[in-house]
PDB file of all heavy atoms in Angstrom:
ATOM      1  N   LEU A   1       0.831  -1.213   0.007  1.00  0.00           N
ATOM      2  CA  LEU A   1      -0.003   0.002   0.010  1.00  0.00           C
ATOM      3  C   LEU A   1       0.877   1.268   0.003  1.00  0.00           C
ATOM      4  O   LEU A   1       0.540   2.246  -0.688  1.00  0.00           O
ATOM      5  CB  LEU A   1      -0.968  -0.005   1.199  1.00  0.00           C
ATOM      6  CG  LEU A   1      -2.035  -1.112   1.166  1.00  0.00           C
ATOM      7  CD1 LEU A   1      -2.832  -1.115   2.465  1.00  0.00           C
ATOM      8  CD2 LEU A   1      -2.955  -0.900  -0.045  1.00  0.00           C
ATOM      9  N   MET A   2       1.969   1.242   0.760  1.00  0.00           N
ATOM     10  CA  MET A   2       2.883   2.375   0.758  1.00  0.00           C
ATOM     11  C   MET A   2       3.508   2.567  -0.635  1.00  0.00           C
ATOM     12  O   MET A   2       3.663   3.701  -1.100  1.00  0.00           O
ATOM     13  CB  MET A   2       4.001   2.192   1.802  1.00  0.00           C
ATOM     14  CG  MET A   2       3.578   2.438   3.212  1.00  0.00           C
ATOM     15  SD  MET A   2       5.015   2.318   4.299  1.00  0.00           S
ATOM     16  CE  MET A   2       4.574   0.844   5.224  1.00  0.00           C
ATOM     17  N   ALA A   3       3.870   1.458  -1.262  1.00  0.00           N
ATOM     18  CA  ALA A   3       4.466   1.532  -2.602  1.00  0.00           C
ATOM     19  C   ALA A   3       3.468   2.095  -3.611  1.00  0.00           C
ATOM     20  O   ALA A   3       3.825   2.908  -4.473  1.00  0.00           O
ATOM     21  CB  ALA A   3       4.926   0.145  -3.037  1.00  0.00           C
ATOM     22  N   MET A   4       2.197   1.692  -3.504  1.00  0.00           N
ATOM     23  CA  MET A   4       1.179   2.199  -4.392  1.00  0.00           C
ATOM     24  C   MET A   4       0.975   3.705  -4.187  1.00  0.00           C
ATOM     25  O   MET A   4       0.788   4.450  -5.150  1.00  0.00           O
ATOM     26  CB  MET A   4      -0.145   1.455  -4.173  1.00  0.00           C
ATOM     27  CG  MET A   4      -0.079  -0.039  -4.357  1.00  0.00           C
ATOM     28  SD  MET A   4       0.387  -0.538  -5.997  1.00  0.00           S
ATOM     29  CE  MET A   4      -1.195  -0.481  -6.747  1.00  0.00           C
ATOM     30  N   GLU A   5       1.039   4.140  -2.958  1.00  0.00           N
ATOM     31  CA  GLU A   5       0.897   5.568  -2.662  1.00  0.00           C
ATOM     32  C   GLU A   5       2.084   6.338  -3.198  1.00  0.00           C
ATOM     33  O   GLU A   5       1.944   7.430  -3.772  1.00  0.00           O
ATOM     34  CB  GLU A   5       0.755   5.762  -1.140  1.00  0.00           C
ATOM     35  CG  GLU A   5       0.387   7.167  -0.744  1.00  0.00           C
ATOM     36  CD  GLU A   5      -0.947   7.630  -1.289  1.00  0.00           C
ATOM     37  OE1 GLU A   5      -1.882   6.807  -1.445  1.00  0.00           O
ATOM     38  OE2 GLU A   5      -1.061   8.848  -1.570  1.00  0.00           O
ATOM     39  N   ALA A   6       3.281   5.794  -3.053  1.00  0.00           N
ATOM     40  CA  ALA A   6       4.493   6.443  -3.577  1.00  0.00           C
ATOM     41  C   ALA A   6       4.434   6.567  -5.090  1.00  0.00           C
ATOM     42  O   ALA A   6       4.904   7.566  -5.662  1.00  0.00           O
ATOM     43  CB  ALA A   6       5.732   5.642  -3.154  1.00  0.00           C
ATOM     44  N   LEU A   7       3.854   5.564  -5.752  1.00  0.00           N
ATOM     45  CA  LEU A   7       3.775   5.588  -7.203  1.00  0.00           C
ATOM     46  C   LEU A   7       2.999   6.811  -7.708  1.00  0.00           C
ATOM     47  O   LEU A   7       3.289   7.337  -8.792  1.00  0.00           O
ATOM     48  CB  LEU A   7       3.105   4.299  -7.690  1.00  0.00           C
ATOM     49  CG  LEU A   7       3.075   4.054  -9.182  1.00  0.00           C
ATOM     50  CD1 LEU A   7       4.490   3.998  -9.760  1.00  0.00           C
ATOM     51  CD2 LEU A   7       2.331   2.760  -9.495  1.00  0.00           C
ATOM     52  N   LYS A   8       2.079   7.323  -6.901  1.00  0.00           N
ATOM     53  CA  LYS A   8       1.327   8.526  -7.287  1.00  0.00           C
ATOM     54  C   LYS A   8       2.218   9.747  -7.423  1.00  0.00           C
ATOM     55  O   LYS A   8       1.845  10.738  -8.041  1.00  0.00           O
ATOM     56  CB  LYS A   8       0.236   8.794  -6.267  1.00  0.00           C
ATOM     57  CG  LYS A   8      -0.849   7.736  -6.236  1.00  0.00           C
ATOM     58  CD  LYS A   8      -1.848   8.033  -5.140  1.00  0.00           C
ATOM     59  CE  LYS A   8      -2.873   6.907  -5.027  1.00  0.00           C
ATOM     60  NZ  LYS A   8      -3.788   7.145  -3.903  1.00  0.00           N
ATOM     61  N   ARG A   9       3.408   9.701  -6.835  1.00  0.00           N
ATOM     62  CA  ARG A   9       4.336  10.835  -6.895  1.00  0.00           C
ATOM     63  C   ARG A   9       5.273  10.799  -8.103  1.00  0.00           C
ATOM     64  O   ARG A   9       6.041  11.701  -8.329  1.00  0.00           O
ATOM     65  CB  ARG A   9       5.139  10.916  -5.602  1.00  0.00           C
ATOM     66  CG  ARG A   9       4.246  11.093  -4.403  1.00  0.00           C
ATOM     67  CD  ARG A   9       5.046  11.134  -3.113  1.00  0.00           C
ATOM     68  NE  ARG A   9       4.178  11.035  -1.971  1.00  0.00           N
ATOM     69  CZ  ARG A   9       3.575  12.047  -1.387  1.00  0.00           C
ATOM     70  NH1 ARG A   9       3.720  13.253  -1.849  1.00  0.00           N
ATOM     71  NH2 ARG A   9       2.815  11.864  -0.324  1.00  0.00           N
ATOM     72  N   LYS A  10       5.187   9.714  -8.874  1.00  0.00           N
ATOM     73  CA  LYS A  10       5.973   9.597 -10.098  1.00  0.00           C
ATOM     74  C   LYS A  10       5.352  10.513 -11.146  1.00  0.00           C
ATOM     75  O   LYS A  10       4.176  10.392 -11.464  1.00  0.00           O
ATOM     76  CB  LYS A  10       5.979   8.147 -10.601  1.00  0.00           C
ATOM     77  CG  LYS A  10       6.679   7.936 -11.923  1.00  0.00           C
ATOM     78  CD  LYS A  10       6.447   6.506 -12.379  1.00  0.00           C
ATOM     79  CE  LYS A  10       6.694   6.343 -13.840  1.00  0.00           C
ATOM     80  NZ  LYS A  10       5.850   7.056 -14.736  1.00  0.00           N
ATOM     81  N   LYS A  11       6.123  11.451 -11.657  1.00  0.00           N
ATOM     82  CA  LYS A  11       5.584  12.426 -12.602  1.00  0.00           C
ATOM     83  C   LYS A  11       6.393  12.476 -13.888  1.00  0.00           C
ATOM     84  O   LYS A  11       7.617  12.557 -13.854  1.00  0.00           O
ATOM     85  CB  LYS A  11       5.570  13.839 -11.983  1.00  0.00           C
ATOM     86  CG  LYS A  11       4.817  13.949 -10.690  1.00  0.00           C
ATOM     87  CD  LYS A  11       3.349  13.903 -10.913  1.00  0.00           C
ATOM     88  CE  LYS A  11       2.611  14.100  -9.600  1.00  0.00           C
ATOM     89  NZ  LYS A  11       1.321  13.558  -9.585  1.00  0.00           N
ATOM     90  N   ASN A  12       5.739  12.448 -14.998  1.00  0.00           N
ATOM     91  CA  ASN A  12       6.297  12.785 -16.322  1.00  0.00           C
ATOM     92  C   ASN A  12       7.526  12.045 -16.777  1.00  0.00           C
ATOM     93  O   ASN A  12       8.265  12.560 -17.585  1.00  0.00           O
ATOM     94  CB  ASN A  12       6.585  14.310 -16.354  1.00  0.00           C
ATOM     95  CG  ASN A  12       5.353  15.143 -16.100  1.00  0.00           C
ATOM     96  OD1 ASN A  12       4.270  14.803 -16.552  1.00  0.00           O
ATOM     97  ND2 ASN A  12       5.507  16.213 -15.370  1.00  0.00           N
ATOM     98  N   TRP A  13       7.789  10.896 -16.263  1.00  0.00           N
ATOM     99  CA  TRP A  13       8.881  10.093 -16.800  1.00  0.00           C
ATOM    100  C   TRP A  13       8.410   8.657 -17.009  1.00  0.00           C
ATOM    101  O   TRP A  13       7.537   8.172 -16.314  1.00  0.00           O
ATOM    102  CB  TRP A  13      10.147  10.157 -15.931  1.00  0.00           C
ATOM    103  CG  TRP A  13      10.021   9.828 -14.475  1.00  0.00           C
ATOM    104  CD1 TRP A  13       9.734  10.683 -13.477  1.00  0.00           C
ATOM    105  CD2 TRP A  13      10.184   8.534 -13.871  1.00  0.00           C
ATOM    106  NE1 TRP A  13       9.698  10.009 -12.269  1.00  0.00           N
ATOM    107  CE2 TRP A  13       9.986   8.694 -12.488  1.00  0.00           C
ATOM    108  CE3 TRP A  13      10.496   7.264 -14.350  1.00  0.00           C
ATOM    109  CZ2 TRP A  13      10.090   7.652 -11.593  1.00  0.00           C
ATOM    110  CZ3 TRP A  13      10.577   6.204 -13.446  1.00  0.00           C
ATOM    111  CH2 TRP A  13      10.375   6.414 -12.099  1.00  0.00           C
ATOM    112  N   THR A  14       9.009   8.018 -18.012  1.00  0.00           N
ATOM    113  CA  THR A  14       8.565   6.695 -18.384  1.00  0.00           C
ATOM    114  C   THR A  14       9.642   5.630 -18.243  1.00  0.00           C
ATOM    115  O   THR A  14       9.365   4.456 -18.335  1.00  0.00           O
ATOM    116  CB  THR A  14       8.105   6.678 -19.856  1.00  0.00           C
ATOM    117  OG1 THR A  14       9.193   7.113 -20.679  1.00  0.00           O
ATOM    118  CG2 THR A  14       6.893   7.594 -20.077  1.00  0.00           C
ATOM    119  N   HIS A  15      10.896   6.078 -18.006  1.00  0.00           N
ATOM    120  CA  HIS A  15      12.023   5.159 -17.856  1.00  0.00           C
ATOM    121  C   HIS A  15      12.772   5.490 -16.565  1.00  0.00           C
ATOM    122  O   HIS A  15      13.027   6.663 -16.272  1.00  0.00           O
ATOM    123  CB  HIS A  15      13.012   5.322 -19.020  1.00  0.00           C
ATOM    124  CG  HIS A  15      12.472   4.908 -20.351  1.00  0.00           C
ATOM    125  ND1 HIS A  15      11.442   5.581 -20.972  1.00  0.00           N
ATOM    126  CD2 HIS A  15      12.822   3.916 -21.170  1.00  0.00           C
ATOM    127  CE1 HIS A  15      11.187   4.999 -22.146  1.00  0.00           C
ATOM    128  NE2 HIS A  15      12.020   3.984 -22.281  1.00  0.00           N
ATOM    129  N   GLY A  16      13.144   4.464 -15.805  1.00  0.00           N
ATOM    130  CA  GLY A  16      13.917   4.689 -14.582  1.00  0.00           C
ATOM    131  C   GLY A  16      13.738   3.577 -13.598  1.00  0.00           C
ATOM    132  O   GLY A  16      13.450   2.431 -13.946  1.00  0.00           O
ATOM    133  N   GLU A  17      13.915   3.921 -12.307  1.00  0.00           N
ATOM    134  CA  GLU A  17      13.794   2.946 -11.229  1.00  0.00           C
ATOM    135  C   GLU A  17      13.054   3.566 -10.054  1.00  0.00           C
ATOM    136  O   GLU A  17      13.136   4.758  -9.837  1.00  0.00           O
ATOM    137  CB  GLU A  17      15.184   2.512 -10.722  1.00  0.00           C
ATOM    138  CG  GLU A  17      15.956   1.648 -11.641  1.00  0.00           C
ATOM    139  CD  GLU A  17      17.266   1.187 -11.043  1.00  0.00           C
ATOM    140  OE1 GLU A  17      17.631   1.566  -9.923  1.00  0.00           O
ATOM    141  OE2 GLU A  17      17.937   0.399 -11.722  1.00  0.00           O
ATOM    142  N   ILE A  18      12.374   2.710  -9.341  1.00  0.00           N
ATOM    143  CA  ILE A  18      11.826   3.077  -8.033  1.00  0.00           C
ATOM    144  C   ILE A  18      12.487   2.136  -7.039  1.00  0.00           C
ATOM    145  O   ILE A  18      12.524   0.925  -7.236  1.00  0.00           O
ATOM    146  CB  ILE A  18      10.296   2.930  -7.971  1.00  0.00           C
ATOM    147  CG1 ILE A  18       9.651   3.768  -9.084  1.00  0.00           C
ATOM    148  CG2 ILE A  18       9.786   3.366  -6.599  1.00  0.00           C
ATOM    149  CD1 ILE A  18       8.147   3.608  -9.161  1.00  0.00           C
ATOM    150  N   VAL A  19      13.052   2.716  -6.002  1.00  0.00           N
ATOM    151  CA  VAL A  19      13.779   1.933  -4.992  1.00  0.00           C
ATOM    152  C   VAL A  19      13.110   2.145  -3.637  1.00  0.00           C
ATOM    153  O   VAL A  19      12.870   3.297  -3.231  1.00  0.00           O
ATOM    154  CB  VAL A  19      15.272   2.381  -4.939  1.00  0.00           C
ATOM    155  CG1 VAL A  19      16.001   1.632  -3.843  1.00  0.00           C
ATOM    156  CG2 VAL A  19      15.921   2.187  -6.291  1.00  0.00           C
ATOM    157  N   PHE A  20      12.801   1.035  -2.988  1.00  0.00           N
ATOM    158  CA  PHE A  20      12.201   1.062  -1.664  1.00  0.00           C
ATOM    159  C   PHE A  20      13.188   0.449  -0.675  1.00  0.00           C
ATOM    160  O   PHE A  20      13.464  -0.751  -0.726  1.00  0.00           O
ATOM    161  CB  PHE A  20      10.905   0.234  -1.634  1.00  0.00           C
ATOM    162  CG  PHE A  20       9.883   0.667  -2.653  1.00  0.00           C
ATOM    163  CD1 PHE A  20       9.775   0.006  -3.886  1.00  0.00           C
ATOM    164  CD2 PHE A  20       8.996   1.703  -2.383  1.00  0.00           C
ATOM    165  CE1 PHE A  20       8.843   0.383  -4.816  1.00  0.00           C
ATOM    166  CE2 PHE A  20       8.052   2.084  -3.310  1.00  0.00           C
ATOM    167  CZ  PHE A  20       7.953   1.428  -4.539  1.00  0.00           C
ATOM    168  N   ASP A  21      13.735   1.263   0.215  1.00  0.00           N
ATOM    169  CA  ASP A  21      14.575   0.750   1.307  1.00  0.00           C
ATOM    170  C   ASP A  21      13.637   0.505   2.499  1.00  0.00           C
ATOM    171  O   ASP A  21      12.861   1.388   2.851  1.00  0.00           O
ATOM    172  CB  ASP A  21      15.652   1.763   1.706  1.00  0.00           C
ATOM    173  CG  ASP A  21      16.757   1.855   0.700  1.00  0.00           C
ATOM    174  OD1 ASP A  21      17.139   0.809   0.148  1.00  0.00           O
ATOM    175  OD2 ASP A  21      17.247   2.976   0.449  1.00  0.00           O
ATOM    176  N   PHE A  22      13.701  -0.693   3.064  1.00  0.00           N
ATOM    177  CA  PHE A  22      12.798  -1.005   4.172  1.00  0.00           C
ATOM    178  C   PHE A  22      13.550  -1.654   5.306  1.00  0.00           C
ATOM    179  O   PHE A  22      14.575  -2.295   5.118  1.00  0.00           O
ATOM    180  CB  PHE A  22      11.649  -1.905   3.680  1.00  0.00           C
ATOM    181  CG  PHE A  22      12.090  -3.258   3.209  1.00  0.00           C
ATOM    182  CD1 PHE A  22      12.047  -4.365   4.070  1.00  0.00           C
ATOM    183  CD2 PHE A  22      12.523  -3.462   1.920  1.00  0.00           C
ATOM    184  CE1 PHE A  22      12.460  -5.619   3.623  1.00  0.00           C
ATOM    185  CE2 PHE A  22      12.933  -4.716   1.456  1.00  0.00           C
ATOM    186  CZ  PHE A  22      12.890  -5.790   2.323  1.00  0.00           C
ATOM    187  N   THR A  23      13.013  -1.466   6.491  1.00  0.00           N
ATOM    188  CA  THR A  23      13.569  -2.108   7.690  1.00  0.00           C
ATOM    189  C   THR A  23      12.456  -2.269   8.721  1.00  0.00           C
ATOM    190  O   THR A  23      11.459  -1.535   8.726  1.00  0.00           O
ATOM    191  CB  THR A  23      14.727  -1.264   8.269  1.00  0.00           C
ATOM    192  OG1 THR A  23      15.377  -2.015   9.283  1.00  0.00           O
ATOM    193  CG2 THR A  23      14.261   0.055   8.835  1.00  0.00           C
ATOM    194  N   MET A  24      12.650  -3.274   9.587  1.00  0.00           N
ATOM    195  CA  MET A  24      11.740  -3.501  10.707  1.00  0.00           C
ATOM    196  C   MET A  24      12.426  -2.998  11.964  1.00  0.00           C
ATOM    197  O   MET A  24      13.555  -3.355  12.243  1.00  0.00           O
ATOM    198  CB  MET A  24      11.426  -4.988  10.842  1.00  0.00           C
ATOM    199  CG  MET A  24      10.572  -5.559   9.740  1.00  0.00           C
ATOM    200  SD  MET A  24       8.892  -4.958   9.773  1.00  0.00           S
ATOM    201  CE  MET A  24       8.294  -5.596  11.332  1.00  0.00           C
ATOM    202  N   LYS A  25      11.712  -2.158  12.704  1.00  0.00           N
ATOM    203  CA  LYS A  25      12.211  -1.680  14.013  1.00  0.00           C
ATOM    204  C   LYS A  25      11.080  -1.805  15.017  1.00  0.00           C
ATOM    205  O   LYS A  25      10.034  -1.181  14.821  1.00  0.00           O
ATOM    206  CB  LYS A  25      12.665  -0.232  13.910  1.00  0.00           C
ATOM    207  CG  LYS A  25      13.880  -0.066  13.038  1.00  0.00           C
ATOM    208  CD  LYS A  25      14.808   0.979  13.528  1.00  0.00           C
ATOM    209  CE  LYS A  25      15.988   0.947  12.599  1.00  0.00           C
ATOM    210  NZ  LYS A  25      16.942   1.888  12.835  1.00  0.00           N
TER     211      LYS A  25
END
């Protein structure tokens, strides 16, 4: 769900990477 929400911030580009750094604390 967080990744889907972050995807909404992708603007005007069609090539690249999305990187999610995650940790449990």
